[in-house]
């Protein structure tokens, strides 16, 4: 917890917590990191979570992270121009490495995508 105080000039200043009080996110057990990333969601994991640090990237590469894919909220995140939605969906299917058990593809469903999913 950071400590705050008021300086002589009346401005509020914040001092950082001691180093031993800063949580070490890299020391979290892998199952806790996985739970956090599941809460982040597939789209945000594809776009940014795997870029946070090497630990998160390693966790994002685990096929178990990609067992459930829901594309219903993706339209706002990925432009439909150039098939970005379809490309991201295929990438998520590939990341599952055959462990996919549930997928919701209302916004990107095509015959090509169905074939792609069944072949993987």
PDB file of N, CA and C in Angstrom:
ATOM      1  N   UNK A   1       0.843  -1.157   0.000  1.00  0.00           N
ATOM      2  CA  UNK A   1       0.000   0.000   0.000  1.00  0.00           C
ATOM      3  C   UNK A   1       0.897   1.231   0.000  1.00  0.00           C
ATOM      4  N   UNK A   2       0.625   2.170  -0.896  1.00  0.00           N
ATOM      5  CA  UNK A   2       1.408   3.391  -0.972  1.00  0.00           C
ATOM      6  C   UNK A   2       0.978   4.342   0.139  1.00  0.00           C
ATOM      7  N   UNK A   3       1.912   5.094   0.635  1.00  0.00           N
ATOM      8  CA  UNK A   3       1.625   6.073   1.663  1.00  0.00           C
ATOM      9  C   UNK A   3       1.529   7.438   1.016  1.00  0.00           C
ATOM     10  N   UNK A   4       0.558   8.226   1.466  1.00  0.00           N
ATOM     11  CA  UNK A   4       0.440   9.570   0.913  1.00  0.00           C
ATOM     12  C   UNK A   4       0.605  10.590   2.036  1.00  0.00           C
ATOM     13  N   UNK A   5       1.107  11.726   1.645  1.00  0.00           N
ATOM     14  CA  UNK A   5       1.291  12.804   2.604  1.00  0.00           C
ATOM     15  C   UNK A   5       1.119  14.121   1.876  1.00  0.00           C
ATOM     16  N   UNK A   6       1.004  15.177   2.633  1.00  0.00           N
ATOM     17  CA  UNK A   6       0.857  16.496   2.036  1.00  0.00           C
ATOM     18  C   UNK A   6       2.152  17.266   2.262  1.00  0.00           C
ATOM     19  N   UNK A   7       2.709  17.815   1.180  1.00  0.00           N
ATOM     20  CA  UNK A   7       3.955  18.562   1.282  1.00  0.00           C
ATOM     21  C   UNK A   7       3.673  19.986   1.756  1.00  0.00           C
ATOM     22  N   UNK A   8       4.736  20.727   1.985  1.00  0.00           N
ATOM     23  CA  UNK A   8       4.585  22.120   2.426  1.00  0.00           C
ATOM     24  C   UNK A   8       3.819  22.968   1.427  1.00  0.00           C
ATOM     25  N   UNK A   9       3.939  22.631   0.151  1.00  0.00           N
ATOM     26  CA  UNK A   9       3.251  23.416  -0.873  1.00  0.00           C
ATOM     27  C   UNK A   9       1.775  23.065  -0.962  1.00  0.00           C
ATOM     28  N   UNK A  10       1.352  22.072  -0.182  1.00  0.00           N
ATOM     29  CA  UNK A  10      -0.057  21.691  -0.204  1.00  0.00           C
ATOM     30  C   UNK A  10      -0.362  20.592  -1.220  1.00  0.00           C
ATOM     31  N   UNK A  11       0.654  20.186  -1.994  1.00  0.00           N
ATOM     32  CA  UNK A  11       0.443  19.123  -2.972  1.00  0.00           C
ATOM     33  C   UNK A  11       0.535  17.764  -2.294  1.00  0.00           C
ATOM     34  N   UNK A  12      -0.292  16.886  -2.709  1.00  0.00           N
ATOM     35  CA  UNK A  12      -0.293  15.543  -2.147  1.00  0.00           C
ATOM     36  C   UNK A  12       0.764  14.710  -2.869  1.00  0.00           C
ATOM     37  N   UNK A  13       1.619  14.059  -2.128  1.00  0.00           N
ATOM     38  CA  UNK A  13       2.656  13.219  -2.703  1.00  0.00           C
ATOM     39  C   UNK A  13       2.437  11.781  -2.262  1.00  0.00           C
ATOM     40  N   UNK A  14       2.871  10.876  -3.083  1.00  0.00           N
ATOM     41  CA  UNK A  14       2.722   9.458  -2.775  1.00  0.00           C
ATOM     42  C   UNK A  14       4.093   8.815  -2.800  1.00  0.00           C
ATOM     43  N   UNK A  15       4.397   8.084  -1.765  1.00  0.00           N
ATOM     44  CA  UNK A  15       5.652   7.337  -1.737  1.00  0.00           C
ATOM     45  C   UNK A  15       5.332   5.877  -2.038  1.00  0.00           C
ATOM     46  N   UNK A  16       6.157   5.244  -2.838  1.00  0.00           N
ATOM     47  CA  UNK A  16       5.878   3.842  -3.183  1.00  0.00           C
ATOM     48  C   UNK A  16       6.044   2.945  -1.962  1.00  0.00           C
ATOM     49  N   UNK A  17       5.371   1.802  -1.979  1.00  0.00           N
ATOM     50  CA  UNK A  17       5.515   0.880  -0.851  1.00  0.00           C
ATOM     51  C   UNK A  17       6.918   0.289  -0.833  1.00  0.00           C
ATOM     52  N   UNK A  18       7.350  -0.210   0.298  1.00  0.00           N
ATOM     53  CA  UNK A  18       8.659  -0.862   0.360  1.00  0.00           C
ATOM     54  C   UNK A  18       8.687  -2.045  -0.609  1.00  0.00           C
ATOM     55  N   UNK A  19       9.868  -2.343  -1.123  1.00  0.00           N
ATOM     56  CA  UNK A  19      10.013  -3.397  -2.131  1.00  0.00           C
ATOM     57  C   UNK A  19       9.483  -4.744  -1.655  1.00  0.00           C
ATOM     58  N   UNK A  20       9.600  -5.020  -0.369  1.00  0.00           N
ATOM     59  CA  UNK A  20       9.136  -6.309   0.129  1.00  0.00           C
ATOM     60  C   UNK A  20       7.617  -6.388   0.240  1.00  0.00           C
ATOM     61  N   UNK A  21       6.914  -5.284   0.020  1.00  0.00           N
ATOM     62  CA  UNK A  21       5.452  -5.263   0.083  1.00  0.00           C
ATOM     63  C   UNK A  21       4.806  -5.257  -1.299  1.00  0.00           C
ATOM     64  N   UNK A  22       5.610  -5.164  -2.354  1.00  0.00           N
ATOM     65  CA  UNK A  22       5.089  -5.182  -3.715  1.00  0.00           C
ATOM     66  C   UNK A  22       4.827  -6.631  -4.106  1.00  0.00           C
ATOM     67  N   UNK A  23       3.603  -6.949  -4.566  1.00  0.00           N
ATOM     68  CA  UNK A  23       3.318  -8.334  -4.933  1.00  0.00           C
ATOM     69  C   UNK A  23       4.140  -8.761  -6.148  1.00  0.00           C
ATOM     70  N   UNK A  24       4.632  -9.964  -6.112  1.00  0.00           N
ATOM     71  CA  UNK A  24       5.393 -10.509  -7.229  1.00  0.00           C
ATOM     72  C   UNK A  24       4.464 -11.378  -8.066  1.00  0.00           C
ATOM     73  N   UNK A  25       3.917 -10.791  -9.123  1.00  0.00           N
ATOM     74  CA  UNK A  25       2.943 -11.497  -9.963  1.00  0.00           C
ATOM     75  C   UNK A  25       3.569 -12.702 -10.644  1.00  0.00           C
ATOM     76  N   UNK A  26       4.867 -12.667 -10.849  1.00  0.00           N
ATOM     77  CA  UNK A  26       5.534 -13.796 -11.496  1.00  0.00           C
ATOM     78  C   UNK A  26       5.618 -15.006 -10.576  1.00  0.00           C
ATOM     79  N   UNK A  27       5.447 -14.788  -9.278  1.00  0.00           N
ATOM     80  CA  UNK A  27       5.530 -15.883  -8.318  1.00  0.00           C
ATOM     81  C   UNK A  27       4.181 -16.587  -8.102  1.00  0.00           C
ATOM     82  N   UNK A  28       3.140 -16.126  -8.780  1.00  0.00           N
ATOM     83  CA  UNK A  28       1.839 -16.774  -8.632  1.00  0.00           C
ATOM     84  C   UNK A  28       1.904 -18.205  -9.152  1.00  0.00           C
ATOM     85  N   UNK A  29       1.185 -19.113  -8.527  1.00  0.00           N
ATOM     86  CA  UNK A  29       1.117 -20.474  -9.062  1.00  0.00           C
ATOM     87  C   UNK A  29       0.488 -20.457 -10.459  1.00  0.00           C
ATOM     88  N   UNK A  30       0.900 -21.358 -11.339  1.00  0.00           N
ATOM     89  CA  UNK A  30       0.377 -21.374 -12.708  1.00  0.00           C
ATOM     90  C   UNK A  30      -1.147 -21.454 -12.794  1.00  0.00           C
ATOM     91  N   UNK A  31      -1.784 -22.190 -11.889  1.00  0.00           N
ATOM     92  CA  UNK A  31      -3.240 -22.298 -11.957  1.00  0.00           C
ATOM     93  C   UNK A  31      -3.926 -20.968 -11.635  1.00  0.00           C
ATOM     94  N   UNK A  32      -3.318 -20.147 -10.797  1.00  0.00           N
ATOM     95  CA  UNK A  32      -3.875 -18.829 -10.490  1.00  0.00           C
ATOM     96  C   UNK A  32      -3.726 -17.913 -11.710  1.00  0.00           C
ATOM     97  N   UNK A  33      -2.570 -17.953 -12.341  1.00  0.00           N
ATOM     98  CA  UNK A  33      -2.359 -17.162 -13.558  1.00  0.00           C
ATOM     99  C   UNK A  33      -3.347 -17.584 -14.641  1.00  0.00           C
ATOM    100  N   UNK A  34      -3.565 -18.870 -14.790  1.00  0.00           N
ATOM    101  CA  UNK A  34      -4.527 -19.381 -15.772  1.00  0.00           C
ATOM    102  C   UNK A  34      -5.927 -18.873 -15.470  1.00  0.00           C
ATOM    103  N   UNK A  35      -6.321 -18.894 -14.216  1.00  0.00           N
ATOM    104  CA  UNK A  35      -7.646 -18.404 -13.820  1.00  0.00           C
ATOM    105  C   UNK A  35      -7.798 -16.923 -14.156  1.00  0.00           C
ATOM    106  N   UNK A  36      -6.775 -16.153 -13.890  1.00  0.00           N
ATOM    107  CA  UNK A  36      -6.808 -14.724 -14.216  1.00  0.00           C
ATOM    108  C   UNK A  36      -6.990 -14.529 -15.719  1.00  0.00           C
ATOM    109  N   UNK A  37      -6.225 -15.267 -16.506  1.00  0.00           N
ATOM    110  CA  UNK A  37      -6.304 -15.104 -17.962  1.00  0.00           C
ATOM    111  C   UNK A  37      -7.634 -15.590 -18.515  1.00  0.00           C
ATOM    112  N   UNK A  38      -8.240 -16.586 -17.907  1.00  0.00           N
ATOM    113  CA  UNK A  38      -9.579 -17.007 -18.330  1.00  0.00           C
ATOM    114  C   UNK A  38     -10.591 -15.890 -18.106  1.00  0.00           C
ATOM    115  N   UNK A  39     -10.411 -15.154 -17.028  1.00  0.00           N
ATOM    116  CA  UNK A  39     -11.311 -14.033 -16.740  1.00  0.00           C
ATOM    117  C   UNK A  39     -11.101 -12.889 -17.731  1.00  0.00           C
ATOM    118  N   UNK A  40      -9.882 -12.737 -18.212  1.00  0.00           N
ATOM    119  CA  UNK A  40      -9.580 -11.693 -19.193  1.00  0.00           C
ATOM    120  C   UNK A  40     -10.363 -11.946 -20.485  1.00  0.00           C
ATOM    121  N   UNK A  41     -10.473 -13.201 -20.879  1.00  0.00           N
ATOM    122  CA  UNK A  41     -11.227 -13.565 -22.069  1.00  0.00           C
ATOM    123  C   UNK A  41     -10.332 -13.856 -23.257  1.00  0.00           C
ATOM    124  N   UNK A  42     -10.877 -14.604 -24.197  1.00  0.00           N
ATOM    125  CA  UNK A  42     -10.115 -15.074 -25.353  1.00  0.00           C
ATOM    126  C   UNK A  42      -9.646 -13.916 -26.233  1.00  0.00           C
ATOM    127  N   UNK A  43     -10.530 -12.991 -26.526  1.00  0.00           N
ATOM    128  CA  UNK A  43     -10.170 -11.891 -27.430  1.00  0.00           C
ATOM    129  C   UNK A  43      -9.040 -11.053 -26.861  1.00  0.00           C
ATOM    130  N   UNK A  44      -9.147 -10.674 -25.597  1.00  0.00           N
ATOM    131  CA  UNK A  44      -8.097  -9.859 -24.988  1.00  0.00           C
ATOM    132  C   UNK A  44      -6.808 -10.648 -24.800  1.00  0.00           C
ATOM    133  N   UNK A  45      -6.931 -11.952 -24.603  1.00  0.00           N
ATOM    134  CA  UNK A  45      -5.737 -12.788 -24.504  1.00  0.00           C
ATOM    135  C   UNK A  45      -5.021 -12.814 -25.841  1.00  0.00           C
ATOM    136  N   UNK A  46      -5.782 -12.934 -26.932  1.00  0.00           N
ATOM    137  CA  UNK A  46      -5.180 -12.915 -28.267  1.00  0.00           C
ATOM    138  C   UNK A  46      -4.533 -11.577 -28.568  1.00  0.00           C
ATOM    139  N   UNK A  47      -5.175 -10.500 -28.164  1.00  0.00           N
ATOM    140  CA  UNK A  47      -4.717  -9.163 -28.526  1.00  0.00           C
ATOM    141  C   UNK A  47      -3.595  -8.632 -27.638  1.00  0.00           C
ATOM    142  N   UNK A  48      -3.684  -8.866 -26.323  1.00  0.00           N
ATOM    143  CA  UNK A  48      -2.719  -8.182 -25.474  1.00  0.00           C
ATOM    144  C   UNK A  48      -2.187  -8.975 -24.282  1.00  0.00           C
ATOM    145  N   UNK A  49      -2.964  -9.818 -23.675  1.00  0.00           N
ATOM    146  CA  UNK A  49      -2.516 -10.475 -22.438  1.00  0.00           C
ATOM    147  C   UNK A  49      -1.234 -11.272 -22.636  1.00  0.00           C
ATOM    148  N   UNK A  50      -1.110 -11.910 -23.790  1.00  0.00           N
ATOM    149  CA  UNK A  50       0.090 -12.710 -24.009  1.00  0.00           C
ATOM    150  C   UNK A  50       1.329 -11.855 -24.254  1.00  0.00           C
ATOM    151  N   UNK A  51       1.147 -10.545 -24.342  1.00  0.00           N
ATOM    152  CA  UNK A  51       2.275  -9.630 -24.534  1.00  0.00           C
ATOM    153  C   UNK A  51       2.744  -8.995 -23.229  1.00  0.00           C
ATOM    154  N   UNK A  52       2.092  -9.326 -22.104  1.00  0.00           N
ATOM    155  CA  UNK A  52       2.421  -8.696 -20.826  1.00  0.00           C
ATOM    156  C   UNK A  52       3.812  -9.101 -20.341  1.00  0.00           C
ATOM    157  N   UNK A  53       4.063 -10.390 -20.297  1.00  0.00           N
ATOM    158  CA  UNK A  53       5.361 -10.878 -19.829  1.00  0.00           C
ATOM    159  C   UNK A  53       5.537 -12.316 -20.328  1.00  0.00           C
ATOM    160  N   UNK A  54       6.730 -12.843 -20.165  1.00  0.00           N
ATOM    161  CA  UNK A  54       6.994 -14.194 -20.669  1.00  0.00           C
ATOM    162  C   UNK A  54       6.176 -15.249 -19.935  1.00  0.00           C
ATOM    163  N   UNK A  55       5.917 -15.031 -18.662  1.00  0.00           N
ATOM    164  CA  UNK A  55       5.096 -15.988 -17.908  1.00  0.00           C
ATOM    165  C   UNK A  55       3.689 -16.042 -18.471  1.00  0.00           C
ATOM    166  N   UNK A  56       3.096 -14.880 -18.736  1.00  0.00           N
ATOM    167  CA  UNK A  56       1.744 -14.865 -19.297  1.00  0.00           C
ATOM    168  C   UNK A  56       1.758 -15.427 -20.712  1.00  0.00           C
ATOM    169  N   UNK A  57       2.790 -15.132 -21.483  1.00  0.00           N
ATOM    170  CA  UNK A  57       2.866 -15.668 -22.847  1.00  0.00           C
ATOM    171  C   UNK A  57       2.926 -17.195 -22.810  1.00  0.00           C
ATOM    172  N   UNK A  58       3.740 -17.721 -21.915  1.00  0.00           N
ATOM    173  CA  UNK A  58       3.858 -19.177 -21.777  1.00  0.00           C
ATOM    174  C   UNK A  58       2.506 -19.782 -21.386  1.00  0.00           C
ATOM    175  N   UNK A  59       1.822 -19.134 -20.456  1.00  0.00           N
ATOM    176  CA  UNK A  59       0.508 -19.611 -20.024  1.00  0.00           C
ATOM    177  C   UNK A  59      -0.494 -19.534 -21.167  1.00  0.00           C
ATOM    178  N   UNK A  60      -0.446 -18.462 -21.951  1.00  0.00           N
ATOM    179  CA  UNK A  60      -1.368 -18.295 -23.080  1.00  0.00           C
ATOM    180  C   UNK A  60      -1.151 -19.344 -24.165  1.00  0.00           C
ATOM    181  N   UNK A  61       0.039 -19.888 -24.238  1.00  0.00           N
ATOM    182  CA  UNK A  61       0.332 -20.908 -25.241  1.00  0.00           C
ATOM    183  C   UNK A  61      -0.169 -22.295 -24.833  1.00  0.00           C
ATOM    184  N   UNK A  62      -0.583 -22.446 -23.582  1.00  0.00           N
ATOM    185  CA  UNK A  62      -1.091 -23.729 -23.114  1.00  0.00           C
ATOM    186  C   UNK A  62      -2.413 -24.045 -23.825  1.00  0.00           C
ATOM    187  N   UNK A  63      -2.533 -25.203 -24.457  1.00  0.00           N
ATOM    188  CA  UNK A  63      -3.770 -25.557 -25.157  1.00  0.00           C
ATOM    189  C   UNK A  63      -5.007 -25.536 -24.259  1.00  0.00           C
ATOM    190  N   UNK A  64      -4.839 -25.804 -22.980  1.00  0.00           N
ATOM    191  CA  UNK A  64      -5.986 -25.808 -22.071  1.00  0.00           C
ATOM    192  C   UNK A  64      -6.630 -24.422 -21.937  1.00  0.00           C
ATOM    193  N   UNK A  65      -5.883 -23.374 -22.248  1.00  0.00           N
ATOM    194  CA  UNK A  65      -6.431 -22.013 -22.218  1.00  0.00           C
ATOM    195  C   UNK A  65      -7.482 -21.796 -23.305  1.00  0.00           C
ATOM    196  N   UNK A  66      -7.455 -22.622 -24.308  1.00  0.00           N
ATOM    197  CA  UNK A  66      -8.271 -22.421 -25.502  1.00  0.00           C
ATOM    198  C   UNK A  66      -9.338 -23.491 -25.677  1.00  0.00           C
ATOM    199  N   UNK A  67      -9.757 -24.109 -24.593  1.00  0.00           N
ATOM    200  CA  UNK A  67     -10.770 -25.167 -24.673  1.00  0.00           C
ATOM    201  C   UNK A  67     -12.140 -24.601 -24.992  1.00  0.00           C
ATOM    202  N   UNK A  68     -12.411 -23.371 -24.572  1.00  0.00           N
ATOM    203  CA  UNK A  68     -13.699 -22.712 -24.812  1.00  0.00           C
ATOM    204  C   UNK A  68     -13.426 -21.390 -25.520  1.00  0.00           C
ATOM    205  N   UNK A  69     -14.066 -21.197 -26.663  1.00  0.00           N
ATOM    206  CA  UNK A  69     -13.894 -19.977 -27.458  1.00  0.00           C
ATOM    207  C   UNK A  69     -15.269 -19.393 -27.738  1.00  0.00           C
ATOM    208  N   UNK A  70     -15.478 -18.146 -27.350  1.00  0.00           N
ATOM    209  CA  UNK A  70     -16.749 -17.457 -27.593  1.00  0.00           C
ATOM    210  C   UNK A  70     -16.451 -16.186 -28.369  1.00  0.00           C
ATOM    211  N   UNK A  71     -16.896 -16.139 -29.619  1.00  0.00           N
ATOM    212  CA  UNK A  71     -16.597 -14.986 -30.483  1.00  0.00           C
ATOM    213  C   UNK A  71     -17.706 -13.935 -30.486  1.00  0.00           C
ATOM    214  N   UNK A  72     -18.732 -14.096 -29.673  1.00  0.00           N
ATOM    215  CA  UNK A  72     -19.857 -13.154 -29.699  1.00  0.00           C
ATOM    216  C   UNK A  72     -19.450 -11.720 -29.394  1.00  0.00           C
ATOM    217  N   UNK A  73     -18.448 -11.511 -28.572  1.00  0.00           N
ATOM    218  CA  UNK A  73     -18.036 -10.149 -28.201  1.00  0.00           C
ATOM    219  C   UNK A  73     -16.891  -9.625 -29.058  1.00  0.00           C
ATOM    220  N   UNK A  74     -16.470 -10.378 -30.035  1.00  0.00           N
ATOM    221  CA  UNK A  74     -15.287 -10.000 -30.813  1.00  0.00           C
ATOM    222  C   UNK A  74     -15.519  -8.897 -31.822  1.00  0.00           C
ATOM    223  N   UNK A  75     -16.724  -8.730 -32.318  1.00  0.00           N
ATOM    224  CA  UNK A  75     -16.960  -7.777 -33.401  1.00  0.00           C
ATOM    225  C   UNK A  75     -16.479  -6.380 -33.028  1.00  0.00           C
ATOM    226  N   UNK A  76     -16.623  -6.005 -31.773  1.00  0.00           N
ATOM    227  CA  UNK A  76     -16.161  -4.682 -31.344  1.00  0.00           C
ATOM    228  C   UNK A  76     -14.640  -4.601 -31.289  1.00  0.00           C
ATOM    229  N   UNK A  77     -13.980  -5.726 -31.105  1.00  0.00           N
ATOM    230  CA  UNK A  77     -12.529  -5.727 -30.940  1.00  0.00           C
ATOM    231  C   UNK A  77     -11.761  -5.883 -32.242  1.00  0.00           C
ATOM    232  N   UNK A  78     -12.325  -6.647 -33.163  1.00  0.00           N
ATOM    233  CA  UNK A  78     -11.634  -6.920 -34.420  1.00  0.00           C
ATOM    234  C   UNK A  78     -12.453  -6.384 -35.584  1.00  0.00           C
ATOM    235  N   UNK A  79     -11.811  -5.675 -36.460  1.00  0.00           N
ATOM    236  CA  UNK A  79     -12.487  -5.163 -37.641  1.00  0.00           C
ATOM    237  C   UNK A  79     -12.867  -6.317 -38.556  1.00  0.00           C
ATOM    238  N   UNK A  80     -14.052  -6.251 -39.107  1.00  0.00           N
ATOM    239  CA  UNK A  80     -14.505  -7.297 -40.032  1.00  0.00           C
ATOM    240  C   UNK A  80     -13.800  -7.176 -41.383  1.00  0.00           C
ATOM    241  N   UNK A  81     -13.147  -6.046 -41.635  1.00  0.00           N
ATOM    242  CA  UNK A  81     -12.450  -5.822 -42.892  1.00  0.00           C
ATOM    243  C   UNK A  81     -11.266  -6.777 -43.001  1.00  0.00           C
ATOM    244  N   UNK A  82     -11.146  -7.414 -44.130  1.00  0.00           N
ATOM    245  CA  UNK A  82     -10.016  -8.298 -44.363  1.00  0.00           C
ATOM    246  C   UNK A  82     -10.114  -9.621 -43.640  1.00  0.00           C
ATOM    247  N   UNK A  83     -11.278  -9.944 -43.108  1.00  0.00           N
ATOM    248  CA  UNK A  83     -11.468 -11.222 -42.444  1.00  0.00           C
ATOM    249  C   UNK A  83     -10.739 -11.347 -41.118  1.00  0.00           C
ATOM    250  N   UNK A  84     -10.547 -10.236 -40.408  1.00  0.00           N
ATOM    251  CA  UNK A  84      -9.816 -10.280 -39.139  1.00  0.00           C
ATOM    252  C   UNK A  84     -10.504 -11.175 -38.117  1.00  0.00           C
ATOM    253  N   UNK A  85     -11.834 -11.130 -38.075  1.00  0.00           N
ATOM    254  CA  UNK A  85     -12.564 -11.988 -37.140  1.00  0.00           C
ATOM    255  C   UNK A  85     -12.286 -13.459 -37.424  1.00  0.00           C
ATOM    256  N   UNK A  86     -12.361 -13.811 -38.684  1.00  0.00           N
ATOM    257  CA  UNK A  86     -12.129 -15.196 -39.090  1.00  0.00           C
ATOM    258  C   UNK A  86     -10.695 -15.619 -38.800  1.00  0.00           C
ATOM    259  N   UNK A  87      -9.740 -14.767 -39.082  1.00  0.00           N
ATOM    260  CA  UNK A  87      -8.327 -15.083 -38.814  1.00  0.00           C
ATOM    261  C   UNK A  87      -8.082 -15.304 -37.325  1.00  0.00           C
ATOM    262  N   UNK A  88      -8.648 -14.438 -36.477  1.00  0.00           N
ATOM    263  CA  UNK A  88      -8.461 -14.567 -35.035  1.00  0.00           C
ATOM    264  C   UNK A  88      -9.127 -15.838 -34.513  1.00  0.00           C
ATOM    265  N   UNK A  89     -10.275 -16.165 -35.062  1.00  0.00           N
ATOM    266  CA  UNK A  89     -10.956 -17.389 -34.649  1.00  0.00           C
ATOM    267  C   UNK A  89     -10.113 -18.612 -35.011  1.00  0.00           C
ATOM    268  N   UNK A  90      -9.563 -18.633 -36.207  1.00  0.00           N
ATOM    269  CA  UNK A  90      -8.709 -19.746 -36.623  1.00  0.00           C
ATOM    270  C   UNK A  90      -7.462 -19.828 -35.742  1.00  0.00           C
ATOM    271  N   UNK A  91      -6.905 -18.682 -35.388  1.00  0.00           N
ATOM    272  CA  UNK A  91      -5.743 -18.666 -34.510  1.00  0.00           C
ATOM    273  C   UNK A  91      -6.086 -19.274 -33.147  1.00  0.00           C
ATOM    274  N   UNK A  92      -7.237 -18.905 -32.596  1.00  0.00           N
ATOM    275  CA  UNK A  92      -7.666 -19.449 -31.307  1.00  0.00           C
ATOM    276  C   UNK A  92      -7.881 -20.958 -31.404  1.00  0.00           C
ATOM    277  N   UNK A  93      -8.470 -21.424 -32.514  1.00  0.00           N
ATOM    278  CA  UNK A  93      -8.660 -22.868 -32.729  1.00  0.00           C
ATOM    279  C   UNK A  93      -7.299 -23.552 -32.790  1.00  0.00           C
ATOM    280  N   UNK A  94      -6.353 -22.968 -33.496  1.00  0.00           N
ATOM    281  CA  UNK A  94      -5.005 -23.543 -33.579  1.00  0.00           C
ATOM    282  C   UNK A  94      -4.344 -23.602 -32.203  1.00  0.00           C
ATOM    283  N   UNK A  95      -4.541 -22.568 -31.388  1.00  0.00           N
ATOM    284  CA  UNK A  95      -3.943 -22.520 -30.061  1.00  0.00           C
ATOM    285  C   UNK A  95      -4.465 -23.652 -29.177  1.00  0.00           C
ATOM    286  N   UNK A  96      -5.681 -24.127 -29.447  1.00  0.00           N
ATOM    287  CA  UNK A  96      -6.263 -25.200 -28.635  1.00  0.00           C
ATOM    288  C   UNK A  96      -5.588 -26.548 -28.879  1.00  0.00           C
ATOM    289  N   UNK A  97      -4.899 -26.686 -29.993  1.00  0.00           N
ATOM    290  CA  UNK A  97      -4.169 -27.908 -30.341  1.00  0.00           C
ATOM    291  C   UNK A  97      -5.007 -29.170 -30.154  1.00  0.00           C
ATOM    292  N   UNK A  98      -6.258 -29.092 -30.582  1.00  0.00           N
ATOM    293  CA  UNK A  98      -7.125 -30.268 -30.527  1.00  0.00           C
ATOM    294  C   UNK A  98      -7.889 -30.430 -29.227  1.00  0.00           C
ATOM    295  N   UNK A  99      -7.717 -29.540 -28.257  1.00  0.00           N
ATOM    296  CA  UNK A  99      -8.417 -29.655 -26.979  1.00  0.00           C
ATOM    297  C   UNK A  99      -9.704 -28.837 -26.915  1.00  0.00           C
ATOM    298  N   UNK A 100     -10.103 -28.234 -28.024  1.00  0.00           N
ATOM    299  CA  UNK A 100     -11.314 -27.419 -28.070  1.00  0.00           C
ATOM    300  C   UNK A 100     -12.537 -28.274 -27.748  1.00  0.00           C
ATOM    301  N   UNK A 101     -13.346 -27.826 -26.778  1.00  0.00           N
ATOM    302  CA  UNK A 101     -14.552 -28.567 -26.406  1.00  0.00           C
ATOM    303  C   UNK A 101     -15.821 -27.758 -26.626  1.00  0.00           C
ATOM    304  N   UNK A 102     -15.707 -26.426 -26.716  1.00  0.00           N
ATOM    305  CA  UNK A 102     -16.887 -25.588 -26.894  1.00  0.00           C
ATOM    306  C   UNK A 102     -16.495 -24.335 -27.667  1.00  0.00           C
ATOM    307  N   UNK A 103     -17.267 -24.029 -28.698  1.00  0.00           N
ATOM    308  CA  UNK A 103     -16.984 -22.830 -29.491  1.00  0.00           C
ATOM    309  C   UNK A 103     -18.290 -22.183 -29.895  1.00  0.00           C
ATOM    310  N   UNK A 104     -18.343 -20.870 -29.788  1.00  0.00           N
ATOM    311  CA  UNK A 104     -19.506 -20.090 -30.194  1.00  0.00           C
ATOM    312  C   UNK A 104     -19.029 -19.144 -31.293  1.00  0.00           C
ATOM    313  N   UNK A 105     -19.516 -19.364 -32.506  1.00  0.00           N
ATOM    314  CA  UNK A 105     -19.001 -18.612 -33.659  1.00  0.00           C
ATOM    315  C   UNK A 105     -20.101 -17.928 -34.463  1.00  0.00           C
ATOM    316  N   UNK A 106     -21.161 -17.490 -33.785  1.00  0.00           N
ATOM    317  CA  UNK A 106     -22.276 -16.867 -34.495  1.00  0.00           C
ATOM    318  C   UNK A 106     -21.827 -15.743 -35.421  1.00  0.00           C
ATOM    319  N   UNK A 107     -20.933 -14.907 -34.951  1.00  0.00           N
ATOM    320  CA  UNK A 107     -20.555 -13.721 -35.723  1.00  0.00           C
ATOM    321  C   UNK A 107     -19.582 -14.017 -36.862  1.00  0.00           C
ATOM    322  N   UNK A 108     -18.948 -15.185 -36.867  1.00  0.00           N
ATOM    323  CA  UNK A 108     -17.955 -15.479 -37.899  1.00  0.00           C
ATOM    324  C   UNK A 108     -18.199 -16.812 -38.609  1.00  0.00           C
ATOM    325  N   UNK A 109     -19.343 -17.423 -38.377  1.00  0.00           N
ATOM    326  CA  UNK A 109     -19.607 -18.760 -38.920  1.00  0.00           C
ATOM    327  C   UNK A 109     -19.621 -18.762 -40.447  1.00  0.00           C
ATOM    328  N   UNK A 110     -18.786 -19.624 -41.020  1.00  0.00           N
ATOM    329  CA  UNK A 110     -18.765 -19.868 -42.462  1.00  0.00           C
ATOM    330  C   UNK A 110     -18.527 -21.364 -42.653  1.00  0.00           C
ATOM    331  N   UNK A 111     -18.850 -21.853 -43.827  1.00  0.00           N
ATOM    332  CA  UNK A 111     -18.579 -23.263 -44.123  1.00  0.00           C
ATOM    333  C   UNK A 111     -17.087 -23.558 -44.010  1.00  0.00           C
ATOM    334  N   UNK A 112     -16.275 -22.631 -44.486  1.00  0.00           N
ATOM    335  CA  UNK A 112     -14.820 -22.786 -44.400  1.00  0.00           C
ATOM    336  C   UNK A 112     -14.359 -22.924 -42.950  1.00  0.00           C
ATOM    337  N   UNK A 113     -14.927 -22.112 -42.069  1.00  0.00           N
ATOM    338  CA  UNK A 113     -14.543 -22.169 -40.657  1.00  0.00           C
ATOM    339  C   UNK A 113     -14.972 -23.494 -40.030  1.00  0.00           C
ATOM    340  N   UNK A 114     -16.157 -23.974 -40.352  1.00  0.00           N
ATOM    341  CA  UNK A 114     -16.606 -25.267 -39.829  1.00  0.00           C
ATOM    342  C   UNK A 114     -15.651 -26.372 -40.247  1.00  0.00           C
ATOM    343  N   UNK A 115     -15.249 -26.360 -41.491  1.00  0.00           N
ATOM    344  CA  UNK A 115     -14.287 -27.357 -41.960  1.00  0.00           C
ATOM    345  C   UNK A 115     -12.951 -27.221 -41.259  1.00  0.00           C
ATOM    346  N   UNK A 116     -12.509 -25.996 -41.086  1.00  0.00           N
ATOM    347  CA  UNK A 116     -11.246 -25.722 -40.412  1.00  0.00           C
ATOM    348  C   UNK A 116     -11.241 -26.304 -39.001  1.00  0.00           C
ATOM    349  N   UNK A 117     -12.334 -26.054 -38.287  1.00  0.00           N
ATOM    350  CA  UNK A 117     -12.460 -26.529 -36.896  1.00  0.00           C
ATOM    351  C   UNK A 117     -12.490 -28.053 -36.845  1.00  0.00           C
ATOM    352  N   UNK A 118     -13.245 -28.662 -37.704  1.00  0.00           N
ATOM    353  CA  UNK A 118     -13.356 -30.132 -37.657  1.00  0.00           C
ATOM    354  C   UNK A 118     -12.055 -30.816 -38.047  1.00  0.00           C
ATOM    355  N   UNK A 119     -11.260 -30.204 -38.888  1.00  0.00           N
ATOM    356  CA  UNK A 119      -9.984 -30.806 -39.285  1.00  0.00           C
ATOM    357  C   UNK A 119      -8.921 -30.669 -38.200  1.00  0.00           C
ATOM    358  N   UNK A 120      -9.157 -29.800 -37.260  1.00  0.00           N
ATOM    359  CA  UNK A 120      -8.180 -29.620 -36.189  1.00  0.00           C
ATOM    360  C   UNK A 120      -8.656 -30.268 -34.926  1.00  0.00           C
TER     361      UNK A 120
END
